[in-house]
Amino acid sequence: MELSVETRLGTTPIQASRVCFGTEHINVYTPDYGGNLLADAAKLYNVYFWDTDMVYGSHPQVASGLKKVDREKVVVCSKTYALTEKDCRKDIERIYRELGIEYLDICLLHRVTVSEKQYRPALDVLLEEKEKGRIRSVGLSTHYVQVLEECVAVPDIELVCAPLNKEGSRIDQGNKENMIHALKSAHDAGKGTYVIKILGRGDLVGDVRGALEWVLQYESFIDVFNIGISNLAELKQDVEIVNRFLKGER
């Protein structure tokens, strides 16, 4: 059985599976069923990086999954859309409550479209939570190349998350070539990097292998590949493709 290989996200303390279970597609399942999927992903395929979000509606499934595994062995990422201190504090408490956790491994400012000056109040809340030991690493996600380029010079941003796929879709500002360059710059600066929308949010499912292999060619500066997954058959296929590519068995 193929197991997802592991990596460290930049210079952060986060050690994670290179395949990330994007949980947006399991929000249609009951919490227990979705939780079993996540637990099996970790136990059977070593996929223990689970990405969620308050808007995805999958916090209940992730919370259930966390009860079925050793919490210390799972990396959980959730996100806030907040820019203000007040809104960020409210979101963070909601994340802890809905996931039923005492700490969060990764928290991202999500879909950031503005400059550091505008997101700094929310970022400072995340850094405060990190100081308390309630968040292990902080970062941001963005669909804007310019935001990603600018945050390379922001040392408090430890991880970055952005869309990347062979069609260049789901990038709201800039193009795929710009995004590739920005991700490499972020990684060179010591930031953890992971990419989303690899399958174009379903647009590229007609050629999953081709879509995955295209983005995997940049594996030297992309730490983790977040793939939206709805069942274990999909996960098995994705892990096999990723592993074969990383082993040079293309």
C-alpha atoms as a PDB file:
ATOM      1  CA  MET A   1       0.000   0.000   0.000  1.00  0.00           C
ATOM      2  CA  GLU A   2       1.358   3.419  -0.973  1.00  0.00           C
ATOM      3  CA  LEU A   3       1.933   5.858   1.889  1.00  0.00           C
ATOM      4  CA  SER A   4       2.227   9.583   1.444  1.00  0.00           C
ATOM      5  CA  VAL A   5       5.776  10.794   1.970  1.00  0.00           C
ATOM      6  CA  GLU A   6       6.481  13.487   4.530  1.00  0.00           C
ATOM      7  CA  THR A   7       8.130  16.880   4.512  1.00  0.00           C
ATOM      8  CA  ARG A   8       8.772  19.911   6.685  1.00  0.00           C
ATOM      9  CA  LEU A   9       6.989  23.103   5.713  1.00  0.00           C
ATOM     10  CA  GLY A  10       9.788  25.576   5.167  1.00  0.00           C
ATOM     11  CA  THR A  11      11.594  26.464   8.366  1.00  0.00           C
ATOM     12  CA  THR A  12       8.473  25.987  10.510  1.00  0.00           C
ATOM     13  CA  PRO A  13       8.219  23.183  13.073  1.00  0.00           C
ATOM     14  CA  ILE A  14       5.420  21.606  11.036  1.00  0.00           C
ATOM     15  CA  GLN A  15       6.165  18.125   9.689  1.00  0.00           C
ATOM     16  CA  ALA A  16       3.387  17.008   7.361  1.00  0.00           C
ATOM     17  CA  SER A  17       2.382  14.564   4.666  1.00  0.00           C
ATOM     18  CA  ARG A  18       3.087  15.916   1.198  1.00  0.00           C
ATOM     19  CA  VAL A  19      -0.448  15.042   0.151  1.00  0.00           C
ATOM     20  CA  CYS A  20      -2.960  17.190   2.017  1.00  0.00           C
ATOM     21  CA  PHE A  21      -6.582  16.108   2.432  1.00  0.00           C
ATOM     22  CA  GLY A  22      -8.631  19.114   1.333  1.00  0.00           C
ATOM     23  CA  THR A  23     -11.896  18.661   3.213  1.00  0.00           C
ATOM     24  CA  GLU A  24     -14.257  20.956   1.326  1.00  0.00           C
ATOM     25  CA  HIS A  25     -15.820  18.014  -0.545  1.00  0.00           C
ATOM     26  CA  ILE A  26     -16.694  15.979   2.570  1.00  0.00           C
ATOM     27  CA  ASN A  27     -19.016  18.589   4.060  1.00  0.00           C
ATOM     28  CA  VAL A  28     -21.949  16.658   2.559  1.00  0.00           C
ATOM     29  CA  TYR A  29     -21.245  13.634   4.762  1.00  0.00           C
ATOM     30  CA  THR A  30     -22.365  13.105   8.326  1.00  0.00           C
ATOM     31  CA  PRO A  31     -19.659  14.093  10.824  1.00  0.00           C
ATOM     32  CA  ASP A  32     -19.007  10.468  11.769  1.00  0.00           C
ATOM     33  CA  TYR A  33     -18.722   9.272   8.164  1.00  0.00           C
ATOM     34  CA  GLY A  34     -16.469  12.156   7.224  1.00  0.00           C
ATOM     35  CA  GLY A  35     -14.432  11.624  10.364  1.00  0.00           C
ATOM     36  CA  ASN A  36     -13.897   7.983   9.458  1.00  0.00           C
ATOM     37  CA  LEU A  37     -12.647   9.010   6.004  1.00  0.00           C
ATOM     38  CA  LEU A  38     -10.093  11.333   7.542  1.00  0.00           C
ATOM     39  CA  ALA A  39      -8.998   8.789  10.131  1.00  0.00           C
ATOM     40  CA  ASP A  40      -8.580   6.135   7.441  1.00  0.00           C
ATOM     41  CA  ALA A  41      -6.604   8.581   5.299  1.00  0.00           C
ATOM     42  CA  ALA A  42      -4.159   9.020   8.162  1.00  0.00           C
ATOM     43  CA  LYS A  43      -3.978   5.374   9.211  1.00  0.00           C
ATOM     44  CA  LEU A  44      -3.955   3.728   5.778  1.00  0.00           C
ATOM     45  CA  TYR A  45      -2.166   6.277   3.590  1.00  0.00           C
ATOM     46  CA  ASN A  46      -0.226   8.468   6.020  1.00  0.00           C
ATOM     47  CA  VAL A  47      -2.211  11.517   4.865  1.00  0.00           C
ATOM     48  CA  TYR A  48      -2.398  13.394   8.129  1.00  0.00           C
ATOM     49  CA  PHE A  49      -2.448  17.005   6.946  1.00  0.00           C
ATOM     50  CA  TRP A  50      -6.119  18.041   6.967  1.00  0.00           C
ATOM     51  CA  ASP A  51      -7.109  21.406   5.511  1.00  0.00           C
ATOM     52  CA  THR A  52     -10.422  22.950   6.519  1.00  0.00           C
ATOM     53  CA  ASP A  53     -12.168  26.310   6.790  1.00  0.00           C
ATOM     54  CA  MET A  54     -15.169  27.799   8.569  1.00  0.00           C
ATOM     55  CA  VAL A  55     -16.883  28.410   5.218  1.00  0.00           C
ATOM     56  CA  TYR A  56     -16.226  24.901   3.860  1.00  0.00           C
ATOM     57  CA  GLY A  57     -18.659  23.499   6.412  1.00  0.00           C
ATOM     58  CA  SER A  58     -16.327  20.593   7.187  1.00  0.00           C
ATOM     59  CA  HIS A  59     -15.341  21.506  10.745  1.00  0.00           C
ATOM     60  CA  PRO A  60     -17.762  18.858  12.118  1.00  0.00           C
ATOM     61  CA  GLN A  61     -16.146  16.124  10.016  1.00  0.00           C
ATOM     62  CA  VAL A  62     -12.639  17.199  11.032  1.00  0.00           C
ATOM     63  CA  ALA A  63     -13.678  17.364  14.692  1.00  0.00           C
ATOM     64  CA  SER A  64     -15.005  13.814  14.426  1.00  0.00           C
ATOM     65  CA  GLY A  65     -11.830  12.618  12.706  1.00  0.00           C
ATOM     66  CA  LEU A  66      -9.656  14.070  15.459  1.00  0.00           C
ATOM     67  CA  LYS A  67     -11.439  11.854  17.982  1.00  0.00           C
ATOM     68  CA  LYS A  68     -10.443   8.751  16.019  1.00  0.00           C
ATOM     69  CA  VAL A  69      -6.687   9.352  15.798  1.00  0.00           C
ATOM     70  CA  ASP A  70      -3.797  10.472  17.962  1.00  0.00           C
ATOM     71  CA  ARG A  71      -4.190  14.261  17.936  1.00  0.00           C
ATOM     72  CA  GLU A  72      -0.431  14.782  18.107  1.00  0.00           C
ATOM     73  CA  LYS A  73       0.038  12.950  14.804  1.00  0.00           C
ATOM     74  CA  VAL A  74      -2.345  15.121  12.776  1.00  0.00           C
ATOM     75  CA  VAL A  75      -1.697  18.538  11.253  1.00  0.00           C
ATOM     76  CA  VAL A  76      -4.877  20.611  11.081  1.00  0.00           C
ATOM     77  CA  CYS A  77      -5.115  23.880   9.193  1.00  0.00           C
ATOM     78  CA  SER A  78      -8.080  26.221   9.348  1.00  0.00           C
ATOM     79  CA  LYS A  79      -8.517  29.790   8.222  1.00  0.00           C
ATOM     80  CA  THR A  80     -10.021  33.178   8.979  1.00  0.00           C
ATOM     81  CA  TYR A  81     -11.216  35.777   6.495  1.00  0.00           C
ATOM     82  CA  ALA A  82     -10.854  38.507   9.134  1.00  0.00           C
ATOM     83  CA  LEU A  83      -8.761  41.626   8.731  1.00  0.00           C
ATOM     84  CA  THR A  84      -9.627  43.337  12.023  1.00  0.00           C
ATOM     85  CA  GLU A  85      -8.556  42.352  15.522  1.00  0.00           C
ATOM     86  CA  LYS A  86     -12.162  41.970  16.692  1.00  0.00           C
ATOM     87  CA  ASP A  87     -13.245  39.753  13.820  1.00  0.00           C
ATOM     88  CA  CYS A  88     -10.106  37.629  14.038  1.00  0.00           C
ATOM     89  CA  ARG A  89     -10.555  36.952  17.759  1.00  0.00           C
ATOM     90  CA  LYS A  90     -14.153  35.936  17.109  1.00  0.00           C
ATOM     91  CA  ASP A  91     -13.146  33.613  14.270  1.00  0.00           C
ATOM     92  CA  ILE A  92     -10.334  31.984  16.235  1.00  0.00           C
ATOM     93  CA  GLU A  93     -12.578  31.149  19.155  1.00  0.00           C
ATOM     94  CA  ARG A  94     -15.127  29.724  16.742  1.00  0.00           C
ATOM     95  CA  ILE A  95     -12.455  27.532  15.122  1.00  0.00           C
ATOM     96  CA  TYR A  96     -11.315  26.134  18.483  1.00  0.00           C
ATOM     97  CA  ARG A  97     -14.919  25.515  19.521  1.00  0.00           C
ATOM     98  CA  GLU A  98     -16.107  23.871  16.309  1.00  0.00           C
ATOM     99  CA  LEU A  99     -13.036  21.656  16.002  1.00  0.00           C
ATOM    100  CA  GLY A 100     -13.086  20.800  19.704  1.00  0.00           C
ATOM    101  CA  ILE A 101      -9.361  21.457  20.041  1.00  0.00           C
ATOM    102  CA  GLU A 102      -7.041  23.177  22.470  1.00  0.00           C
ATOM    103  CA  TYR A 103      -4.583  24.178  19.758  1.00  0.00           C
ATOM    104  CA  LEU A 104      -4.477  24.564  15.985  1.00  0.00           C
ATOM    105  CA  ASP A 105      -1.422  23.511  14.012  1.00  0.00           C
ATOM    106  CA  ILE A 106      -1.787  26.101  11.258  1.00  0.00           C
ATOM    107  CA  CYS A 107      -4.018  29.137  10.948  1.00  0.00           C
ATOM    108  CA  LEU A 108      -4.073  31.192   7.785  1.00  0.00           C
ATOM    109  CA  LEU A 109      -5.450  34.588   6.926  1.00  0.00           C
ATOM    110  CA  HIS A 110      -7.560  33.416   4.009  1.00  0.00           C
ATOM    111  CA  ARG A 111      -7.896  34.745   0.448  1.00  0.00           C
ATOM    112  CA  VAL A 112      -5.969  37.884   1.287  1.00  0.00           C
ATOM    113  CA  THR A 113      -6.238  40.629  -1.330  1.00  0.00           C
ATOM    114  CA  VAL A 114      -4.744  43.556   0.599  1.00  0.00           C
ATOM    115  CA  SER A 115      -1.384  44.816   1.836  1.00  0.00           C
ATOM    116  CA  GLU A 116       0.332  43.942   5.114  1.00  0.00           C
ATOM    117  CA  LYS A 117      -0.817  47.212   6.679  1.00  0.00           C
ATOM    118  CA  GLN A 118      -4.437  46.159   6.191  1.00  0.00           C
ATOM    119  CA  TYR A 119      -4.121  42.544   7.356  1.00  0.00           C
ATOM    120  CA  ARG A 120      -1.631  43.292  10.180  1.00  0.00           C
ATOM    121  CA  PRO A 121      -4.315  43.689  12.934  1.00  0.00           C
ATOM    122  CA  ALA A 122      -5.593  40.164  12.262  1.00  0.00           C
ATOM    123  CA  LEU A 123      -2.088  38.771  11.864  1.00  0.00           C
ATOM    124  CA  ASP A 124      -1.121  40.177  15.266  1.00  0.00           C
ATOM    125  CA  VAL A 125      -3.999  38.232  16.836  1.00  0.00           C
ATOM    126  CA  LEU A 126      -2.699  35.006  15.283  1.00  0.00           C
ATOM    127  CA  LEU A 127       0.806  35.784  16.533  1.00  0.00           C
ATOM    128  CA  GLU A 128      -0.575  36.385  20.015  1.00  0.00           C
ATOM    129  CA  GLU A 129      -2.282  32.995  19.887  1.00  0.00           C
ATOM    130  CA  LYS A 130       0.984  31.477  18.757  1.00  0.00           C
ATOM    131  CA  GLU A 131       2.749  32.987  21.767  1.00  0.00           C
ATOM    132  CA  LYS A 132       0.134  31.322  23.984  1.00  0.00           C
ATOM    133  CA  GLY A 133       0.798  27.966  22.339  1.00  0.00           C
ATOM    134  CA  ARG A 134      -2.665  27.777  20.803  1.00  0.00           C
ATOM    135  CA  ILE A 135      -1.420  28.035  17.204  1.00  0.00           C
ATOM    136  CA  ARG A 136       1.802  26.404  16.044  1.00  0.00           C
ATOM    137  CA  SER A 137       2.357  28.328  12.793  1.00  0.00           C
ATOM    138  CA  VAL A 138       0.684  31.236  11.030  1.00  0.00           C
ATOM    139  CA  GLY A 139       0.490  32.316   7.432  1.00  0.00           C
ATOM    140  CA  LEU A 140      -1.794  33.444   4.670  1.00  0.00           C
ATOM    141  CA  SER A 141      -3.491  32.178   1.561  1.00  0.00           C
ATOM    142  CA  THR A 142      -4.058  34.307  -1.477  1.00  0.00           C
ATOM    143  CA  HIS A 143      -5.116  34.098  -5.104  1.00  0.00           C
ATOM    144  CA  TYR A 144      -3.200  37.336  -5.796  1.00  0.00           C
ATOM    145  CA  VAL A 145       0.383  37.119  -7.028  1.00  0.00           C
ATOM    146  CA  GLN A 146       1.179  40.587  -5.718  1.00  0.00           C
ATOM    147  CA  VAL A 147       0.090  39.703  -2.182  1.00  0.00           C
ATOM    148  CA  LEU A 148       2.256  36.590  -2.278  1.00  0.00           C
ATOM    149  CA  GLU A 149       5.230  38.540  -3.599  1.00  0.00           C
ATOM    150  CA  GLU A 150       4.896  41.194  -0.901  1.00  0.00           C
ATOM    151  CA  CYS A 151       4.558  38.756   1.992  1.00  0.00           C
ATOM    152  CA  VAL A 152       7.935  37.213   1.143  1.00  0.00           C
ATOM    153  CA  ALA A 153       9.421  40.167   3.035  1.00  0.00           C
ATOM    154  CA  VAL A 154       7.083  39.735   6.035  1.00  0.00           C
ATOM    155  CA  PRO A 155       8.919  37.471   8.523  1.00  0.00           C
ATOM    156  CA  ASP A 156       5.778  36.870  10.613  1.00  0.00           C
ATOM    157  CA  ILE A 157       4.203  35.038   7.662  1.00  0.00           C
ATOM    158  CA  GLU A 158       5.628  31.525   8.067  1.00  0.00           C
ATOM    159  CA  LEU A 159       3.541  29.696   5.481  1.00  0.00           C
ATOM    160  CA  VAL A 160       1.880  30.617   2.216  1.00  0.00           C
ATOM    161  CA  CYS A 161      -0.908  28.886   0.330  1.00  0.00           C
ATOM    162  CA  ALA A 162      -1.940  29.676  -3.234  1.00  0.00           C
ATOM    163  CA  PRO A 163      -3.723  28.135  -6.233  1.00  0.00           C
ATOM    164  CA  LEU A 164      -1.681  26.510  -8.971  1.00  0.00           C
ATOM    165  CA  ASN A 165      -2.741  24.295 -11.852  1.00  0.00           C
ATOM    166  CA  LYS A 166      -1.791  23.609 -15.459  1.00  0.00           C
ATOM    167  CA  GLU A 167      -4.567  25.819 -16.843  1.00  0.00           C
ATOM    168  CA  GLY A 168      -3.694  28.782 -14.626  1.00  0.00           C
ATOM    169  CA  SER A 169      -7.294  28.950 -13.413  1.00  0.00           C
ATOM    170  CA  ARG A 170      -8.462  30.177 -10.002  1.00  0.00           C
ATOM    171  CA  ILE A 171      -5.702  32.789  -9.925  1.00  0.00           C
ATOM    172  CA  ASP A 172      -7.490  36.114  -9.470  1.00  0.00           C
ATOM    173  CA  GLN A 173      -4.532  38.403 -10.183  1.00  0.00           C
ATOM    174  CA  GLY A 174      -1.480  37.493 -12.203  1.00  0.00           C
ATOM    175  CA  ASN A 175      -0.902  34.249 -14.108  1.00  0.00           C
ATOM    176  CA  LYS A 176       0.536  30.819 -13.422  1.00  0.00           C
ATOM    177  CA  GLU A 177       4.071  31.831 -14.398  1.00  0.00           C
ATOM    178  CA  ASN A 178       3.938  34.759 -11.947  1.00  0.00           C
ATOM    179  CA  MET A 179       2.561  32.456  -9.241  1.00  0.00           C
ATOM    180  CA  ILE A 180       5.294  29.876  -9.773  1.00  0.00           C
ATOM    181  CA  HIS A 181       7.963  32.559  -9.408  1.00  0.00           C
ATOM    182  CA  ALA A 182       6.311  33.982  -6.268  1.00  0.00           C
ATOM    183  CA  LEU A 183       6.024  30.539  -4.649  1.00  0.00           C
ATOM    184  CA  LYS A 184       9.688  29.843  -5.330  1.00  0.00           C
ATOM    185  CA  SER A 185      10.663  33.200  -3.825  1.00  0.00           C
ATOM    186  CA  ALA A 186       8.595  32.442  -0.726  1.00  0.00           C
ATOM    187  CA  HIS A 187      10.192  29.018  -0.340  1.00  0.00           C
ATOM    188  CA  ASP A 188      13.664  30.453  -0.874  1.00  0.00           C
ATOM    189  CA  ALA A 189      12.874  32.872   1.975  1.00  0.00           C
ATOM    190  CA  GLY A 190      12.218  29.910   4.287  1.00  0.00           C
ATOM    191  CA  LYS A 191       8.431  29.935   4.181  1.00  0.00           C
ATOM    192  CA  GLY A 192       6.411  26.756   4.022  1.00  0.00           C
ATOM    193  CA  THR A 193       4.508  26.469   0.742  1.00  0.00           C
ATOM    194  CA  TYR A 194       1.461  24.533  -0.270  1.00  0.00           C
ATOM    195  CA  VAL A 195      -0.796  24.764  -3.265  1.00  0.00           C
ATOM    196  CA  ILE A 196      -4.517  24.379  -3.800  1.00  0.00           C
ATOM    197  CA  LYS A 197      -6.891  24.145  -6.770  1.00  0.00           C
ATOM    198  CA  ILE A 198      -4.533  21.655  -8.432  1.00  0.00           C
ATOM    199  CA  LEU A 199      -7.525  20.147 -10.235  1.00  0.00           C
ATOM    200  CA  GLY A 200      -9.026  23.577 -10.939  1.00  0.00           C
ATOM    201  CA  ARG A 201     -11.847  22.870  -8.499  1.00  0.00           C
ATOM    202  CA  GLY A 202     -13.047  20.034 -10.694  1.00  0.00           C
ATOM    203  CA  ASP A 203     -12.244  21.504 -14.105  1.00  0.00           C
ATOM    204  CA  LEU A 204      -9.299  19.120 -14.619  1.00  0.00           C
ATOM    205  CA  VAL A 205     -10.710  15.849 -13.266  1.00  0.00           C
ATOM    206  CA  GLY A 206     -10.750  14.449 -16.793  1.00  0.00           C
ATOM    207  CA  ASP A 207      -6.976  14.061 -16.524  1.00  0.00           C
ATOM    208  CA  VAL A 208      -6.071  13.778 -12.858  1.00  0.00           C
ATOM    209  CA  ARG A 209      -2.658  12.281 -13.569  1.00  0.00           C
ATOM    210  CA  GLY A 210      -1.759  14.999 -16.029  1.00  0.00           C
ATOM    211  CA  ALA A 211      -2.919  17.747 -13.658  1.00  0.00           C
ATOM    212  CA  LEU A 212      -1.005  16.314 -10.704  1.00  0.00           C
ATOM    213  CA  GLU A 213       2.169  15.600 -12.658  1.00  0.00           C
ATOM    214  CA  TRP A 214       2.182  19.131 -14.058  1.00  0.00           C
ATOM    215  CA  VAL A 215       2.201  20.735 -10.604  1.00  0.00           C
ATOM    216  CA  LEU A 216       4.549  18.082  -9.172  1.00  0.00           C
ATOM    217  CA  GLN A 217       7.313  19.277 -11.472  1.00  0.00           C
ATOM    218  CA  TYR A 218       7.702  22.148  -8.994  1.00  0.00           C
ATOM    219  CA  GLU A 219       8.066  19.886  -5.969  1.00  0.00           C
ATOM    220  CA  SER A 220      11.497  21.331  -5.123  1.00  0.00           C
ATOM    221  CA  PHE A 221       9.847  24.496  -3.818  1.00  0.00           C
ATOM    222  CA  ILE A 222       6.297  23.335  -3.079  1.00  0.00           C
ATOM    223  CA  ASP A 223       6.154  21.425   0.179  1.00  0.00           C
ATOM    224  CA  VAL A 224       2.567  20.164   0.205  1.00  0.00           C
ATOM    225  CA  PHE A 225      -0.057  19.445  -2.439  1.00  0.00           C
ATOM    226  CA  ASN A 226      -3.586  20.099  -1.205  1.00  0.00           C
ATOM    227  CA  ILE A 227      -5.990  17.943  -3.202  1.00  0.00           C
ATOM    228  CA  GLY A 228      -9.725  18.134  -2.683  1.00  0.00           C
ATOM    229  CA  ILE A 229     -10.783  14.582  -1.820  1.00  0.00           C
ATOM    230  CA  SER A 230     -14.224  13.047  -1.358  1.00  0.00           C
ATOM    231  CA  ASN A 231     -13.460   9.338  -0.896  1.00  0.00           C
ATOM    232  CA  LEU A 232     -10.640   6.874  -0.263  1.00  0.00           C
ATOM    233  CA  ALA A 233     -10.542   5.652  -3.874  1.00  0.00           C
ATOM    234  CA  GLU A 234      -9.622   9.169  -4.988  1.00  0.00           C
ATOM    235  CA  LEU A 235      -7.064   9.438  -2.216  1.00  0.00           C
ATOM    236  CA  LYS A 236      -5.444   6.115  -3.141  1.00  0.00           C
ATOM    237  CA  GLN A 237      -5.122   7.215  -6.762  1.00  0.00           C
ATOM    238  CA  ASP A 238      -3.683  10.621  -5.792  1.00  0.00           C
ATOM    239  CA  VAL A 239      -1.114   9.175  -3.380  1.00  0.00           C
ATOM    240  CA  GLU A 240       0.046   6.635  -5.968  1.00  0.00           C
ATOM    241  CA  ILE A 241       0.507   9.325  -8.630  1.00  0.00           C
ATOM    242  CA  VAL A 242       2.391  11.633  -6.274  1.00  0.00           C
ATOM    243  CA  ASN A 243       4.653   8.874  -4.956  1.00  0.00           C
ATOM    244  CA  ARG A 244       5.503   7.497  -8.386  1.00  0.00           C
ATOM    245  CA  PHE A 245       6.396  10.978  -9.607  1.00  0.00           C
ATOM    246  CA  LEU A 246       8.578  11.740  -6.585  1.00  0.00           C
ATOM    247  CA  LYS A 247      10.361   8.399  -7.055  1.00  0.00           C
ATOM    248  CA  GLY A 248      10.991   9.199 -10.729  1.00  0.00           C
ATOM    249  CA  GLU A 249       8.644   6.437 -11.902  1.00  0.00           C
ATOM    250  CA  ARG A 250       6.694   8.477 -14.447  1.00  0.00           C
END
